[in-house]
Amino acid sequence: MIECNVKVQYQNQSYDLSMIVIYGASPPLLGLQWINIMQLDLNQLIHAQHSVQHSIHKIYTSSKLQASLQKYKNVLNKELGHCTKVQAHIQLKPDAIPKFFKPRPIPFAYLEGV
């Protein structure tokens, strides 16, 4: 799974949006973030009688991608980072009682990476 920012052009408007790419043969999904930002009319999209034209323009070549991955390998590794400059402290009331909550569900697009 990869998350990246992409430039999207729709109806003569340009948008900088976040896109999640997952590996596999699943159909593409359009998230609520895109729908809200681009103010899409879903009824028009679903029931449209005209053909839809779409294209993907390759902006980064493999060598540029590899150069960026190499440059930022410390940031992009899968290990947890360490905070060495600041020490954290938590102050609780003496009679504080811990509360346990059920974990929130993980978004479907992130499941493969977990």
PDB file of N, CA and C in Angstrom:
ATOM      1  N   MET A   1       0.839  -1.167   0.000  1.00  0.00           N
ATOM      2  CA  MET A   1       0.000   0.000   0.000  1.00  0.00           C
ATOM      3  C   MET A   1       0.891   1.239   0.000  1.00  0.00           C
ATOM      4  N   ILE A   2       0.524   2.195  -0.819  1.00  0.00           N
ATOM      5  CA  ILE A   2       1.274   3.444  -0.926  1.00  0.00           C
ATOM      6  C   ILE A   2       0.283   4.592  -0.846  1.00  0.00           C
ATOM      7  N   GLU A   3       0.629   5.615  -0.091  1.00  0.00           N
ATOM      8  CA  GLU A   3      -0.182   6.826  -0.060  1.00  0.00           C
ATOM      9  C   GLU A   3       0.633   7.950  -0.672  1.00  0.00           C
ATOM     10  N   CYS A   4       0.042   8.676  -1.598  1.00  0.00           N
ATOM     11  CA  CYS A   4       0.758   9.758  -2.264  1.00  0.00           C
ATOM     12  C   CYS A   4      -0.210  10.890  -2.588  1.00  0.00           C
ATOM     13  N   ASN A   5       0.343  12.054  -2.853  1.00  0.00           N
ATOM     14  CA  ASN A   5      -0.454  13.195  -3.276  1.00  0.00           C
ATOM     15  C   ASN A   5      -0.433  13.261  -4.787  1.00  0.00           C
ATOM     16  N   VAL A   6      -1.592  13.486  -5.382  1.00  0.00           N
ATOM     17  CA  VAL A   6      -1.707  13.535  -6.835  1.00  0.00           C
ATOM     18  C   VAL A   6      -2.438  14.808  -7.247  1.00  0.00           C
ATOM     19  N   LYS A   7      -2.152  15.242  -8.462  1.00  0.00           N
ATOM     20  CA  LYS A   7      -2.876  16.368  -9.042  1.00  0.00           C
ATOM     21  C   LYS A   7      -3.984  15.792  -9.903  1.00  0.00           C
ATOM     22  N   VAL A   8      -5.209  16.223  -9.653  1.00  0.00           N
ATOM     23  CA  VAL A   8      -6.373  15.728 -10.369  1.00  0.00           C
ATOM     24  C   VAL A   8      -7.016  16.897 -11.101  1.00  0.00           C
ATOM     25  N   GLN A   9      -7.360  16.670 -12.356  1.00  0.00           N
ATOM     26  CA  GLN A   9      -8.079  17.685 -13.122  1.00  0.00           C
ATOM     27  C   GLN A   9      -9.446  17.121 -13.477  1.00  0.00           C
ATOM     28  N   TYR A  10     -10.492  17.852 -13.082  1.00  0.00           N
ATOM     29  CA  TYR A  10     -11.865  17.426 -13.341  1.00  0.00           C
ATOM     30  C   TYR A  10     -12.692  18.659 -13.676  1.00  0.00           C
ATOM     31  N   GLN A  11     -13.328  18.657 -14.821  1.00  0.00           N
ATOM     32  CA  GLN A  11     -14.163  19.755 -15.299  1.00  0.00           C
ATOM     33  C   GLN A  11     -13.434  21.100 -15.212  1.00  0.00           C
ATOM     34  N   ASN A  12     -12.254  21.142 -15.789  1.00  0.00           N
ATOM     35  CA  ASN A  12     -11.429  22.357 -15.867  1.00  0.00           C
ATOM     36  C   ASN A  12     -11.024  22.912 -14.506  1.00  0.00           C
ATOM     37  N   GLN A  13     -11.057  22.094 -13.471  1.00  0.00           N
ATOM     38  CA  GLN A  13     -10.582  22.467 -12.137  1.00  0.00           C
ATOM     39  C   GLN A  13      -9.434  21.536 -11.770  1.00  0.00           C
ATOM     40  N   SER A  14      -8.438  22.062 -11.077  1.00  0.00           N
ATOM     41  CA  SER A  14      -7.308  21.243 -10.629  1.00  0.00           C
ATOM     42  C   SER A  14      -7.357  21.098  -9.116  1.00  0.00           C
ATOM     43  N   TYR A  15      -7.036  19.907  -8.645  1.00  0.00           N
ATOM     44  CA  TYR A  15      -7.064  19.609  -7.219  1.00  0.00           C
ATOM     45  C   TYR A  15      -5.793  18.852  -6.842  1.00  0.00           C
ATOM     46  N   ASP A  16      -5.260  19.115  -5.650  1.00  0.00           N
ATOM     47  CA  ASP A  16      -4.176  18.324  -5.066  1.00  0.00           C
ATOM     48  C   ASP A  16      -4.813  17.432  -4.006  1.00  0.00           C
ATOM     49  N   LEU A  17      -4.847  16.127  -4.273  1.00  0.00           N
ATOM     50  CA  LEU A  17      -5.557  15.197  -3.401  1.00  0.00           C
ATOM     51  C   LEU A  17      -4.655  14.048  -2.974  1.00  0.00           C
ATOM     52  N   SER A  18      -5.009  13.434  -1.859  1.00  0.00           N
ATOM     53  CA  SER A  18      -4.288  12.277  -1.353  1.00  0.00           C
ATOM     54  C   SER A  18      -4.907  11.018  -1.945  1.00  0.00           C
ATOM     55  N   MET A  19      -4.050  10.106  -2.431  1.00  0.00           N
ATOM     56  CA  MET A  19      -4.527   8.872  -3.044  1.00  0.00           C
ATOM     57  C   MET A  19      -3.825   7.685  -2.392  1.00  0.00           C
ATOM     58  N   ILE A  20      -4.575   6.635  -2.136  1.00  0.00           N
ATOM     59  CA  ILE A  20      -4.024   5.408  -1.568  1.00  0.00           C
ATOM     60  C   ILE A  20      -4.057   4.344  -2.652  1.00  0.00           C
ATOM     61  N   VAL A  21      -2.896   3.758  -2.932  1.00  0.00           N
ATOM     62  CA  VAL A  21      -2.781   2.709  -3.941  1.00  0.00           C
ATOM     63  C   VAL A  21      -2.547   1.399  -3.212  1.00  0.00           C
ATOM     64  N   ILE A  22      -3.415   0.416  -3.468  1.00  0.00           N
ATOM     65  CA  ILE A  22      -3.243  -0.893  -2.848  1.00  0.00           C
ATOM     66  C   ILE A  22      -2.958  -1.910  -3.938  1.00  0.00           C
ATOM     67  N   TYR A  23      -2.257  -2.957  -3.568  1.00  0.00           N
ATOM     68  CA  TYR A  23      -1.912  -4.010  -4.514  1.00  0.00           C
ATOM     69  C   TYR A  23      -3.042  -5.022  -4.555  1.00  0.00           C
ATOM     70  N   GLY A  24      -3.390  -5.466  -5.726  1.00  0.00           N
ATOM     71  CA  GLY A  24      -4.439  -6.459  -5.865  1.00  0.00           C
ATOM     72  C   GLY A  24      -5.331  -6.129  -7.045  1.00  0.00           C
ATOM     73  N   ALA A  25      -6.324  -6.942  -7.217  1.00  0.00           N
ATOM     74  CA  ALA A  25      -7.205  -6.804  -8.375  1.00  0.00           C
ATOM     75  C   ALA A  25      -8.580  -6.304  -7.966  1.00  0.00           C
ATOM     76  N   SER A  26      -8.655  -5.450  -6.970  1.00  0.00           N
ATOM     77  CA  SER A  26      -9.949  -4.933  -6.542  1.00  0.00           C
ATOM     78  C   SER A  26     -10.336  -3.725  -7.389  1.00  0.00           C
ATOM     79  N   PRO A  27     -11.627  -3.431  -7.480  1.00  0.00           N
ATOM     80  CA  PRO A  27     -12.043  -2.266  -8.267  1.00  0.00           C
ATOM     81  C   PRO A  27     -11.626  -0.969  -7.566  1.00  0.00           C
ATOM     82  N   PRO A  28     -11.382   0.101  -8.309  1.00  0.00           N
ATOM     83  CA  PRO A  28     -10.979   1.362  -7.686  1.00  0.00           C
ATOM     84  C   PRO A  28     -12.132   1.978  -6.898  1.00  0.00           C
ATOM     85  N   LEU A  29     -11.787   2.647  -5.810  1.00  0.00           N
ATOM     86  CA  LEU A  29     -12.772   3.298  -4.954  1.00  0.00           C
ATOM     87  C   LEU A  29     -12.528   4.798  -4.965  1.00  0.00           C
ATOM     88  N   LEU A  30     -13.581   5.559  -4.863  1.00  0.00           N
ATOM     89  CA  LEU A  30     -13.484   7.008  -4.772  1.00  0.00           C
ATOM     90  C   LEU A  30     -13.919   7.390  -3.370  1.00  0.00           C
ATOM     91  N   GLY A  31     -13.011   7.974  -2.587  1.00  0.00           N
ATOM     92  CA  GLY A  31     -13.284   8.267  -1.190  1.00  0.00           C
ATOM     93  C   GLY A  31     -14.117   9.520  -0.981  1.00  0.00           C
ATOM     94  N   LEU A  32     -14.656   9.648   0.235  1.00  0.00           N
ATOM     95  CA  LEU A  32     -15.470  10.809   0.578  1.00  0.00           C
ATOM     96  C   LEU A  32     -14.686  12.107   0.489  1.00  0.00           C
ATOM     97  N   GLN A  33     -13.385  12.043   0.806  1.00  0.00           N
ATOM     98  CA  GLN A  33     -12.559  13.250   0.724  1.00  0.00           C
ATOM     99  C   GLN A  33     -12.586  13.810  -0.695  1.00  0.00           C
ATOM    100  N   TRP A  34     -12.409  12.972  -1.686  1.00  0.00           N
ATOM    101  CA  TRP A  34     -12.428  13.411  -3.082  1.00  0.00           C
ATOM    102  C   TRP A  34     -13.815  13.920  -3.462  1.00  0.00           C
ATOM    103  N   ILE A  35     -14.846  13.192  -3.059  1.00  0.00           N
ATOM    104  CA  ILE A  35     -16.218  13.577  -3.403  1.00  0.00           C
ATOM    105  C   ILE A  35     -16.549  14.953  -2.831  1.00  0.00           C
ATOM    106  N   ASN A  36     -16.170  15.193  -1.577  1.00  0.00           N
ATOM    107  CA  ASN A  36     -16.462  16.479  -0.938  1.00  0.00           C
ATOM    108  C   ASN A  36     -15.651  17.618  -1.536  1.00  0.00           C
ATOM    109  N   ILE A  37     -14.364  17.422  -1.719  1.00  0.00           N
ATOM    110  CA  ILE A  37     -13.509  18.494  -2.229  1.00  0.00           C
ATOM    111  C   ILE A  37     -13.880  18.861  -3.658  1.00  0.00           C
ATOM    112  N   MET A  38     -14.140  17.856  -4.484  1.00  0.00           N
ATOM    113  CA  MET A  38     -14.449  18.115  -5.890  1.00  0.00           C
ATOM    114  C   MET A  38     -15.933  18.417  -6.110  1.00  0.00           C
ATOM    115  N   GLN A  39     -16.738  18.355  -5.034  1.00  0.00           N
ATOM    116  CA  GLN A  39     -18.174  18.632  -5.085  1.00  0.00           C
ATOM    117  C   GLN A  39     -18.842  17.836  -6.213  1.00  0.00           C
ATOM    118  N   LEU A  40     -18.627  16.518  -6.170  1.00  0.00           N
ATOM    119  CA  LEU A  40     -19.154  15.637  -7.210  1.00  0.00           C
ATOM    120  C   LEU A  40     -20.635  15.351  -6.987  1.00  0.00           C
ATOM    121  N   ASP A  41     -21.398  15.334  -8.054  1.00  0.00           N
ATOM    122  CA  ASP A  41     -22.795  14.926  -8.018  1.00  0.00           C
ATOM    123  C   ASP A  41     -22.825  13.429  -8.335  1.00  0.00           C
ATOM    124  N   LEU A  42     -22.982  12.613  -7.302  1.00  0.00           N
ATOM    125  CA  LEU A  42     -22.908  11.166  -7.486  1.00  0.00           C
ATOM    126  C   LEU A  42     -24.031  10.642  -8.373  1.00  0.00           C
ATOM    127  N   ASN A  43     -25.201  11.231  -8.301  1.00  0.00           N
ATOM    128  CA  ASN A  43     -26.299  10.791  -9.175  1.00  0.00           C
ATOM    129  C   ASN A  43     -25.928  10.971 -10.636  1.00  0.00           C
ATOM    130  N   GLN A  44     -25.312  12.089 -10.940  1.00  0.00           N
ATOM    131  CA  GLN A  44     -24.911  12.346 -12.322  1.00  0.00           C
ATOM    132  C   GLN A  44     -23.841  11.348 -12.761  1.00  0.00           C
ATOM    133  N   LEU A  45     -22.893  11.043 -11.881  1.00  0.00           N
ATOM    134  CA  LEU A  45     -21.823  10.110 -12.238  1.00  0.00           C
ATOM    135  C   LEU A  45     -22.341   8.688 -12.421  1.00  0.00           C
ATOM    136  N   ILE A  46     -23.227   8.264 -11.544  1.00  0.00           N
ATOM    137  CA  ILE A  46     -23.719   6.888 -11.588  1.00  0.00           C
ATOM    138  C   ILE A  46     -24.646   6.669 -12.778  1.00  0.00           C
ATOM    139  N   HIS A  47     -25.505   7.635 -13.055  1.00  0.00           N
ATOM    140  CA  HIS A  47     -26.523   7.468 -14.092  1.00  0.00           C
ATOM    141  C   HIS A  47     -26.156   8.157 -15.403  1.00  0.00           C
ATOM    142  N   ALA A  48     -24.896   8.494 -15.578  1.00  0.00           N
ATOM    143  CA  ALA A  48     -24.479   9.199 -16.796  1.00  0.00           C
ATOM    144  C   ALA A  48     -24.605   8.283 -18.007  1.00  0.00           C
ATOM    145  N   GLN A  49     -25.060   8.840 -19.117  1.00  0.00           N
ATOM    146  CA  GLN A  49     -25.210   8.085 -20.355  1.00  0.00           C
ATOM    147  C   GLN A  49     -24.031   8.305 -21.303  1.00  0.00           C
ATOM    148  N   HIS A  50     -23.185   9.248 -20.978  1.00  0.00           N
ATOM    149  CA  HIS A  50     -22.051   9.538 -21.855  1.00  0.00           C
ATOM    150  C   HIS A  50     -20.833   8.730 -21.430  1.00  0.00           C
ATOM    151  N   SER A  51     -19.913   8.580 -22.345  1.00  0.00           N
ATOM    152  CA  SER A  51     -18.700   7.824 -22.028  1.00  0.00           C
ATOM    153  C   SER A  51     -17.767   8.693 -21.193  1.00  0.00           C
ATOM    154  N   VAL A  52     -17.058   8.056 -20.304  1.00  0.00           N
ATOM    155  CA  VAL A  52     -16.147   8.761 -19.412  1.00  0.00           C
ATOM    156  C   VAL A  52     -14.735   8.608 -19.937  1.00  0.00           C
ATOM    157  N   GLN A  53     -14.052   9.722 -20.051  1.00  0.00           N
ATOM    158  CA  GLN A  53     -12.657   9.691 -20.477  1.00  0.00           C
ATOM    159  C   GLN A  53     -11.784   9.885 -19.245  1.00  0.00           C
ATOM    160  N   HIS A  54     -10.821   9.034 -19.103  1.00  0.00           N
ATOM    161  CA  HIS A  54      -9.888   9.181 -17.996  1.00  0.00           C
ATOM    162  C   HIS A  54      -8.494   8.850 -18.492  1.00  0.00           C
ATOM    163  N   SER A  55      -7.527   9.455 -17.849  1.00  0.00           N
ATOM    164  CA  SER A  55      -6.136   9.174 -18.214  1.00  0.00           C
ATOM    165  C   SER A  55      -5.254   9.419 -17.002  1.00  0.00           C
ATOM    166  N   ILE A  56      -4.164   8.718 -16.978  1.00  0.00           N
ATOM    167  CA  ILE A  56      -3.165   8.879 -15.925  1.00  0.00           C
ATOM    168  C   ILE A  56      -1.879   9.310 -16.599  1.00  0.00           C
ATOM    169  N   HIS A  57      -1.328  10.398 -16.126  1.00  0.00           N
ATOM    170  CA  HIS A  57      -0.081  10.902 -16.680  1.00  0.00           C
ATOM    171  C   HIS A  57       1.054  10.531 -15.736  1.00  0.00           C
ATOM    172  N   LYS A  58       2.027   9.848 -16.241  1.00  0.00           N
ATOM    173  CA  LYS A  58       3.179   9.454 -15.440  1.00  0.00           C
ATOM    174  C   LYS A  58       4.087  10.665 -15.294  1.00  0.00           C
ATOM    175  N   ILE A  59       4.266  11.117 -14.076  1.00  0.00           N
ATOM    176  CA  ILE A  59       5.067  12.311 -13.834  1.00  0.00           C
ATOM    177  C   ILE A  59       6.471  11.929 -13.379  1.00  0.00           C
ATOM    178  N   TYR A  60       6.569  10.965 -12.478  1.00  0.00           N
ATOM    179  CA  TYR A  60       7.866  10.581 -11.940  1.00  0.00           C
ATOM    180  C   TYR A  60       8.356   9.309 -12.614  1.00  0.00           C
ATOM    181  N   THR A  61       9.575   9.324 -13.035  1.00  0.00           N
ATOM    182  CA  THR A  61      10.164   8.115 -13.595  1.00  0.00           C
ATOM    183  C   THR A  61      10.661   7.238 -12.456  1.00  0.00           C
ATOM    184  N   SER A  62      10.958   6.014 -12.771  1.00  0.00           N
ATOM    185  CA  SER A  62      11.431   5.077 -11.758  1.00  0.00           C
ATOM    186  C   SER A  62      12.726   5.556 -11.117  1.00  0.00           C
ATOM    187  N   SER A  63      13.613   6.151 -11.902  1.00  0.00           N
ATOM    188  CA  SER A  63      14.887   6.614 -11.341  1.00  0.00           C
ATOM    189  C   SER A  63      14.667   7.761 -10.360  1.00  0.00           C
ATOM    190  N   LYS A  64      13.721   8.670 -10.655  1.00  0.00           N
ATOM    191  CA  LYS A  64      13.432   9.760  -9.716  1.00  0.00           C
ATOM    192  C   LYS A  64      12.816   9.212  -8.438  1.00  0.00           C
ATOM    193  N   LEU A  65      11.940   8.228  -8.591  1.00  0.00           N
ATOM    194  CA  LEU A  65      11.327   7.613  -7.424  1.00  0.00           C
ATOM    195  C   LEU A  65      12.380   6.934  -6.566  1.00  0.00           C
ATOM    196  N   GLN A  66      13.266   6.168  -7.184  1.00  0.00           N
ATOM    197  CA  GLN A  66      14.322   5.486  -6.434  1.00  0.00           C
ATOM    198  C   GLN A  66      15.246   6.489  -5.749  1.00  0.00           C
ATOM    199  N   ALA A  67      15.533   7.603  -6.422  1.00  0.00           N
ATOM    200  CA  ALA A  67      16.381   8.636  -5.817  1.00  0.00           C
ATOM    201  C   ALA A  67      15.698   9.233  -4.590  1.00  0.00           C
ATOM    202  N   SER A  68      14.395   9.488  -4.680  1.00  0.00           N
ATOM    203  CA  SER A  68      13.656  10.028  -3.533  1.00  0.00           C
ATOM    204  C   SER A  68      13.589   9.013  -2.400  1.00  0.00           C
ATOM    205  N   LEU A  69      13.350   7.749  -2.736  1.00  0.00           N
ATOM    206  CA  LEU A  69      13.311   6.709  -1.705  1.00  0.00           C
ATOM    207  C   LEU A  69      14.655   6.574  -1.006  1.00  0.00           C
ATOM    208  N   GLN A  70      15.737   6.671  -1.761  1.00  0.00           N
ATOM    209  CA  GLN A  70      17.072   6.584  -1.171  1.00  0.00           C
ATOM    210  C   GLN A  70      17.357   7.806  -0.297  1.00  0.00           C
ATOM    211  N   LYS A  71      16.956   8.981  -0.768  1.00  0.00           N
ATOM    212  CA  LYS A  71      17.216  10.222  -0.030  1.00  0.00           C
ATOM    213  C   LYS A  71      16.493  10.225   1.316  1.00  0.00           C
ATOM    214  N   TYR A  72      15.261   9.698   1.342  1.00  0.00           N
ATOM    215  CA  TYR A  72      14.454   9.727   2.555  1.00  0.00           C
ATOM    216  C   TYR A  72      14.292   8.347   3.174  1.00  0.00           C
ATOM    217  N   LYS A  73      15.290   7.480   3.035  1.00  0.00           N
ATOM    218  CA  LYS A  73      15.155   6.112   3.538  1.00  0.00           C
ATOM    219  C   LYS A  73      15.000   6.066   5.054  1.00  0.00           C
ATOM    220  N   ASN A  74      15.579   7.032   5.782  1.00  0.00           N
ATOM    221  CA  ASN A  74      15.421   7.038   7.238  1.00  0.00           C
ATOM    222  C   ASN A  74      13.980   7.334   7.642  1.00  0.00           C
ATOM    223  N   VAL A  75      13.296   8.138   6.865  1.00  0.00           N
ATOM    224  CA  VAL A  75      11.912   8.487   7.168  1.00  0.00           C
ATOM    225  C   VAL A  75      10.955   7.392   6.715  1.00  0.00           C
ATOM    226  N   LEU A  76      11.259   6.736   5.610  1.00  0.00           N
ATOM    227  CA  LEU A  76      10.339   5.784   4.999  1.00  0.00           C
ATOM    228  C   LEU A  76      10.522   4.339   5.449  1.00  0.00           C
ATOM    229  N   ASN A  77      11.439   4.086   6.375  1.00  0.00           N
ATOM    230  CA  ASN A  77      11.604   2.700   6.810  1.00  0.00           C
ATOM    231  C   ASN A  77      10.417   2.270   7.667  1.00  0.00           C
ATOM    232  N   LYS A  78      10.273   0.975   7.873  1.00  0.00           N
ATOM    233  CA  LYS A  78       9.103   0.443   8.569  1.00  0.00           C
ATOM    234  C   LYS A  78       9.303   0.348  10.078  1.00  0.00           C
ATOM    235  N   GLU A  79      10.449   0.761  10.579  1.00  0.00           N
ATOM    236  CA  GLU A  79      10.703   0.700  12.012  1.00  0.00           C
ATOM    237  C   GLU A  79      10.121   1.932  12.702  1.00  0.00           C
ATOM    238  N   LEU A  80       9.846   1.789  13.983  1.00  0.00           N
ATOM    239  CA  LEU A  80       9.357   2.921  14.755  1.00  0.00           C
ATOM    240  C   LEU A  80      10.487   3.906  15.003  1.00  0.00           C
ATOM    241  N   GLY A  81      10.161   5.163  15.027  1.00  0.00           N
ATOM    242  CA  GLY A  81      11.153   6.193  15.294  1.00  0.00           C
ATOM    243  C   GLY A  81      11.354   6.376  16.791  1.00  0.00           C
ATOM    244  N   HIS A  82      12.369   7.137  17.138  1.00  0.00           N
ATOM    245  CA  HIS A  82      12.686   7.390  18.540  1.00  0.00           C
ATOM    246  C   HIS A  82      12.788   8.891  18.754  1.00  0.00           C
ATOM    247  N   CYS A  83      12.183   9.367  19.812  1.00  0.00           N
ATOM    248  CA  CYS A  83      12.273  10.774  20.189  1.00  0.00           C
ATOM    249  C   CYS A  83      13.391  10.887  21.219  1.00  0.00           C
ATOM    250  N   THR A  84      14.478  11.558  20.861  1.00  0.00           N
ATOM    251  CA  THR A  84      15.632  11.630  21.754  1.00  0.00           C
ATOM    252  C   THR A  84      15.834  13.020  22.351  1.00  0.00           C
ATOM    253  N   LYS A  85      15.143  14.033  21.853  1.00  0.00           N
ATOM    254  CA  LYS A  85      15.390  15.402  22.314  1.00  0.00           C
ATOM    255  C   LYS A  85      14.455  15.830  23.435  1.00  0.00           C
ATOM    256  N   VAL A  86      13.291  15.199  23.546  1.00  0.00           N
ATOM    257  CA  VAL A  86      12.307  15.596  24.547  1.00  0.00           C
ATOM    258  C   VAL A  86      11.885  14.364  25.326  1.00  0.00           C
ATOM    259  N   GLN A  87      11.728  14.530  26.630  1.00  0.00           N
ATOM    260  CA  GLN A  87      11.248  13.427  27.451  1.00  0.00           C
ATOM    261  C   GLN A  87       9.797  13.712  27.823  1.00  0.00           C
ATOM    262  N   ALA A  88       8.927  12.763  27.589  1.00  0.00           N
ATOM    263  CA  ALA A  88       7.501  12.950  27.838  1.00  0.00           C
ATOM    264  C   ALA A  88       7.152  12.623  29.282  1.00  0.00           C
ATOM    265  N   HIS A  89       6.202  13.371  29.829  1.00  0.00           N
ATOM    266  CA  HIS A  89       5.693  13.128  31.178  1.00  0.00           C
ATOM    267  C   HIS A  89       4.173  13.187  31.125  1.00  0.00           C
ATOM    268  N   ILE A  90       3.538  12.293  31.829  1.00  0.00           N
ATOM    269  CA  ILE A  90       2.082  12.307  31.931  1.00  0.00           C
ATOM    270  C   ILE A  90       1.724  12.560  33.382  1.00  0.00           C
ATOM    271  N   GLN A  91       0.914  13.595  33.617  1.00  0.00           N
ATOM    272  CA  GLN A  91       0.488  13.908  34.977  1.00  0.00           C
ATOM    273  C   GLN A  91      -0.981  13.536  35.115  1.00  0.00           C
ATOM    274  N   LEU A  92      -1.269  12.664  36.054  1.00  0.00           N
ATOM    275  CA  LEU A  92      -2.636  12.219  36.303  1.00  0.00           C
ATOM    276  C   LEU A  92      -3.069  12.629  37.697  1.00  0.00           C
ATOM    277  N   LYS A  93      -4.361  12.773  37.864  1.00  0.00           N
ATOM    278  CA  LYS A  93      -4.889  13.014  39.198  1.00  0.00           C
ATOM    279  C   LYS A  93      -4.666  11.751  40.025  1.00  0.00           C
ATOM    280  N   PRO A  94      -4.460  11.899  41.334  1.00  0.00           N
ATOM    281  CA  PRO A  94      -4.193  10.708  42.160  1.00  0.00           C
ATOM    282  C   PRO A  94      -5.322   9.674  42.119  1.00  0.00           C
ATOM    283  N   ASP A  95      -6.557  10.105  41.921  1.00  0.00           N
ATOM    284  CA  ASP A  95      -7.671   9.156  41.917  1.00  0.00           C
ATOM    285  C   ASP A  95      -8.135   8.808  40.499  1.00  0.00           C
ATOM    286  N   ALA A  96      -7.277   9.010  39.516  1.00  0.00           N
ATOM    287  CA  ALA A  96      -7.645   8.726  38.121  1.00  0.00           C
ATOM    288  C   ALA A  96      -7.858   7.231  37.919  1.00  0.00           C
ATOM    289  N   ILE A  97      -8.911   6.892  37.198  1.00  0.00           N
ATOM    290  CA  ILE A  97      -9.229   5.494  36.901  1.00  0.00           C
ATOM    291  C   ILE A  97      -9.053   5.286  35.399  1.00  0.00           C
ATOM    292  N   PRO A  98      -8.242   4.301  35.001  1.00  0.00           N
ATOM    293  CA  PRO A  98      -8.064   4.073  33.558  1.00  0.00           C
ATOM    294  C   PRO A  98      -9.355   3.568  32.922  1.00  0.00           C
ATOM    295  N   LYS A  99      -9.610   4.027  31.707  1.00  0.00           N
ATOM    296  CA  LYS A  99     -10.776   3.575  30.951  1.00  0.00           C
ATOM    297  C   LYS A  99     -10.286   2.884  29.696  1.00  0.00           C
ATOM    298  N   PHE A 100     -10.901   1.773  29.383  1.00  0.00           N
ATOM    299  CA  PHE A 100     -10.521   1.004  28.214  1.00  0.00           C
ATOM    300  C   PHE A 100     -11.620   1.108  27.167  1.00  0.00           C
ATOM    301  N   PHE A 101     -11.216   1.410  25.943  1.00  0.00           N
ATOM    302  CA  PHE A 101     -12.158   1.545  24.846  1.00  0.00           C
ATOM    303  C   PHE A 101     -11.836   0.519  23.778  1.00  0.00           C
ATOM    304  N   LYS A 102     -12.881   0.053  23.125  1.00  0.00           N
ATOM    305  CA  LYS A 102     -12.712  -0.862  22.011  1.00  0.00           C
ATOM    306  C   LYS A 102     -11.963  -0.120  20.902  1.00  0.00           C
ATOM    307  N   PRO A 103     -10.983  -0.754  20.263  1.00  0.00           N
ATOM    308  CA  PRO A 103     -10.247  -0.042  19.212  1.00  0.00           C
ATOM    309  C   PRO A 103     -11.157   0.323  18.048  1.00  0.00           C
ATOM    310  N   ARG A 104     -10.839   1.444  17.427  1.00  0.00           N
ATOM    311  CA  ARG A 104     -11.604   1.882  16.260  1.00  0.00           C
ATOM    312  C   ARG A 104     -11.297   0.968  15.083  1.00  0.00           C
ATOM    313  N   PRO A 105     -12.260   0.795  14.198  1.00  0.00           N
ATOM    314  CA  PRO A 105     -11.989  -0.047  13.024  1.00  0.00           C
ATOM    315  C   PRO A 105     -10.980   0.619  12.095  1.00  0.00           C
ATOM    316  N   ILE A 106     -10.160  -0.190  11.480  1.00  0.00           N
ATOM    317  CA  ILE A 106      -9.147   0.296  10.548  1.00  0.00           C
ATOM    318  C   ILE A 106      -9.804   0.486   9.188  1.00  0.00           C
ATOM    319  N   PRO A 107      -9.535   1.617   8.518  1.00  0.00           N
ATOM    320  CA  PRO A 107     -10.100   1.794   7.173  1.00  0.00           C
ATOM    321  C   PRO A 107      -9.681   0.655   6.251  1.00  0.00           C
ATOM    322  N   PHE A 108     -10.586   0.253   5.376  1.00  0.00           N
ATOM    323  CA  PHE A 108     -10.363  -0.890   4.498  1.00  0.00           C
ATOM    324  C   PHE A 108      -9.077  -0.750   3.692  1.00  0.00           C
ATOM    325  N   ALA A 109      -8.777   0.444   3.218  1.00  0.00           N
ATOM    326  CA  ALA A 109      -7.595   0.643   2.377  1.00  0.00           C
ATOM    327  C   ALA A 109      -6.300   0.391   3.147  1.00  0.00           C
ATOM    328  N   TYR A 110      -6.323   0.523   4.474  1.00  0.00           N
ATOM    329  CA  TYR A 110      -5.117   0.337   5.275  1.00  0.00           C
ATOM    330  C   TYR A 110      -4.953  -1.088   5.797  1.00  0.00           C
ATOM    331  N   LEU A 111      -5.949  -1.945   5.632  1.00  0.00           N
ATOM    332  CA  LEU A 111      -5.908  -3.281   6.232  1.00  0.00           C
ATOM    333  C   LEU A 111      -4.709  -4.101   5.787  1.00  0.00           C
ATOM    334  N   GLU A 112      -4.344  -4.020   4.519  1.00  0.00           N
ATOM    335  CA  GLU A 112      -3.235  -4.829   4.024  1.00  0.00           C
ATOM    336  C   GLU A 112      -1.909  -4.435   4.681  1.00  0.00           C
ATOM    337  N   GLY A 113      -1.755  -3.164   5.032  1.00  0.00           N
ATOM    338  CA  GLY A 113      -0.509  -2.699   5.625  1.00  0.00           C
ATOM    339  C   GLY A 113      -0.383  -2.992   7.107  1.00  0.00           C
ATOM    340  N   VAL A 114      -1.454  -3.437   7.743  1.00  0.00           N
ATOM    341  CA  VAL A 114      -1.430  -3.676   9.193  1.00  0.00           C
ATOM    342  C   VAL A 114      -1.036  -5.096   9.481  1.00  0.00           C
TER     343      VAL A 114
END
